[in-house]
């Protein structure tokens, strides 16, 4: 799955099971590359309506059958790299909205 898969109007959802066994339904914002790995950004639907919702970042991979697999980010250093790349992606999206896609 690539970013292009997410550019259509169909929103994709994921249900996360947290450490306390509670479940959170999230909207897939994007799948992006940072360093040598793919990552996924998820926005809980409970905060999707607010401007400052918390975004979950996870490692993203697909198994041999193409099923998505999420894994926790292991270190603070890795998280910083991923968070910085996600911020860059957000900035790119805002820029594209300002200038339009046809320029």
Protein backbone atom coordinates (compact mmCIF):
# COMPACT_ATOMS: atom_id res chain seq x y z
CA UNK A 1 0.00 0.00 0.00
CA UNK A 2 1.37 3.42 -0.86
CA UNK A 3 0.39 7.00 -0.17
CA UNK A 4 -1.41 7.00 -3.53
CA UNK A 5 -3.74 4.29 -2.19
CA UNK A 6 -4.82 6.74 0.49
CA UNK A 7 -5.40 9.71 -1.80
CA UNK A 8 -8.90 8.71 -2.81
CA UNK A 9 -11.91 9.82 -0.80
CA UNK A 10 -12.40 6.48 0.93
CA UNK A 11 -11.19 6.65 4.51
CA UNK A 12 -9.53 3.57 5.90
CA UNK A 13 -9.97 2.57 9.53
CA UNK A 14 -7.89 0.49 11.92
CA UNK A 15 -8.84 -0.75 15.38
CA UNK A 16 -5.92 -0.68 17.81
CA UNK A 17 -5.79 -2.75 20.97
CA UNK A 18 -3.85 -0.78 23.58
CA UNK A 19 -1.72 -2.13 26.43
CA UNK A 20 -4.70 -2.00 28.82
CA UNK A 21 -6.75 -4.11 26.34
CA UNK A 22 -8.99 -1.17 25.45
CA UNK A 23 -9.73 -0.67 21.75
CA UNK A 24 -9.45 2.56 19.81
CA UNK A 25 -10.82 3.02 16.29
CA UNK A 26 -8.51 5.17 14.17
CA UNK A 27 -8.52 6.75 10.73
CA UNK A 28 -5.44 6.01 8.62
CA UNK A 29 -3.90 9.39 7.82
CA UNK A 30 -1.02 8.14 5.69
CA UNK A 31 1.66 5.52 5.25
CA UNK A 32 5.07 7.07 4.73
CA UNK A 33 8.76 6.21 4.62
CA UNK A 34 11.30 7.46 7.14
CA UNK A 35 14.84 6.13 6.96
CA UNK A 36 14.72 2.57 5.71
CA UNK A 37 11.24 1.67 7.03
CA UNK A 38 7.58 2.35 6.40
CA UNK A 39 5.41 3.91 9.08
CA UNK A 40 1.72 4.59 9.52
CA UNK A 41 0.03 7.61 11.09
CA UNK A 42 -3.32 7.00 12.78
CA UNK A 43 -5.83 9.47 14.20
CA UNK A 44 -8.33 8.18 16.79
CA UNK A 45 -11.87 8.78 15.53
CA UNK A 46 -12.81 10.15 18.96
CA UNK A 47 -10.47 13.12 18.32
CA UNK A 48 -10.78 13.33 14.54
CA UNK A 49 -13.19 16.26 14.79
CA UNK A 50 -10.79 18.41 16.83
CA UNK A 51 -7.89 20.41 15.44
CA UNK A 52 -5.28 19.05 17.85
CA UNK A 53 -6.02 15.33 17.98
CA UNK A 54 -3.30 12.96 19.10
CA UNK A 55 -1.72 11.00 16.25
CA UNK A 56 -0.36 7.49 16.78
CA UNK A 57 2.77 6.54 14.83
CA UNK A 58 3.71 2.88 14.27
CA UNK A 59 6.06 0.85 12.14
CA UNK A 60 4.16 -0.53 9.15
CA UNK A 61 4.79 -3.68 7.12
CA UNK A 62 2.80 -6.24 5.17
CA UNK A 63 3.07 -10.00 5.54
CA UNK A 64 3.39 -12.41 2.60
CA UNK A 65 -0.38 -12.28 2.00
CA UNK A 66 -0.42 -8.47 2.01
CA UNK A 67 -2.01 -8.14 5.45
CA UNK A 68 -0.89 -5.06 7.39
CA UNK A 69 1.29 -5.49 10.45
CA UNK A 70 1.89 -2.71 12.97
CA UNK A 71 4.76 -2.63 15.46
CA UNK A 72 5.74 -0.16 18.13
CA UNK A 73 8.57 2.27 17.52
CA UNK A 74 11.42 0.99 19.67
CA UNK A 75 13.53 4.01 20.63
CA UNK A 76 13.27 7.73 21.26
CA UNK A 77 15.74 8.33 18.42
CA UNK A 78 13.60 6.38 15.96
CA UNK A 79 10.47 8.17 17.16
CA UNK A 80 12.09 11.58 16.61
CA UNK A 81 13.04 10.65 13.03
CA UNK A 82 9.50 9.39 12.33
CA UNK A 83 7.79 12.36 13.99
CA UNK A 84 9.99 14.81 12.03
CA UNK A 85 9.18 13.06 8.74
CA UNK A 86 5.45 13.07 9.56
CA UNK A 87 5.64 16.82 10.32
CA UNK A 88 7.32 17.34 6.93
CA UNK A 89 4.51 15.34 5.28
CA UNK A 90 1.90 17.54 7.01
CA UNK A 91 3.71 20.66 5.79
CA UNK A 92 3.72 19.27 2.23
CA UNK A 93 -0.04 18.64 2.43
CA UNK A 94 -0.69 22.20 3.63
CA UNK A 95 1.54 23.58 0.85
CA UNK A 96 -0.30 21.53 -1.78
CA UNK A 97 -3.64 22.85 -0.52
CA UNK A 98 -2.37 26.44 -0.67
CA UNK A 99 -0.94 26.33 -4.19
CA UNK A 100 -3.24 23.73 -5.67
CA UNK A 101 -2.28 20.41 -7.22
CA UNK A 102 -2.07 21.74 -10.81
CA UNK A 103 0.92 24.07 -10.27
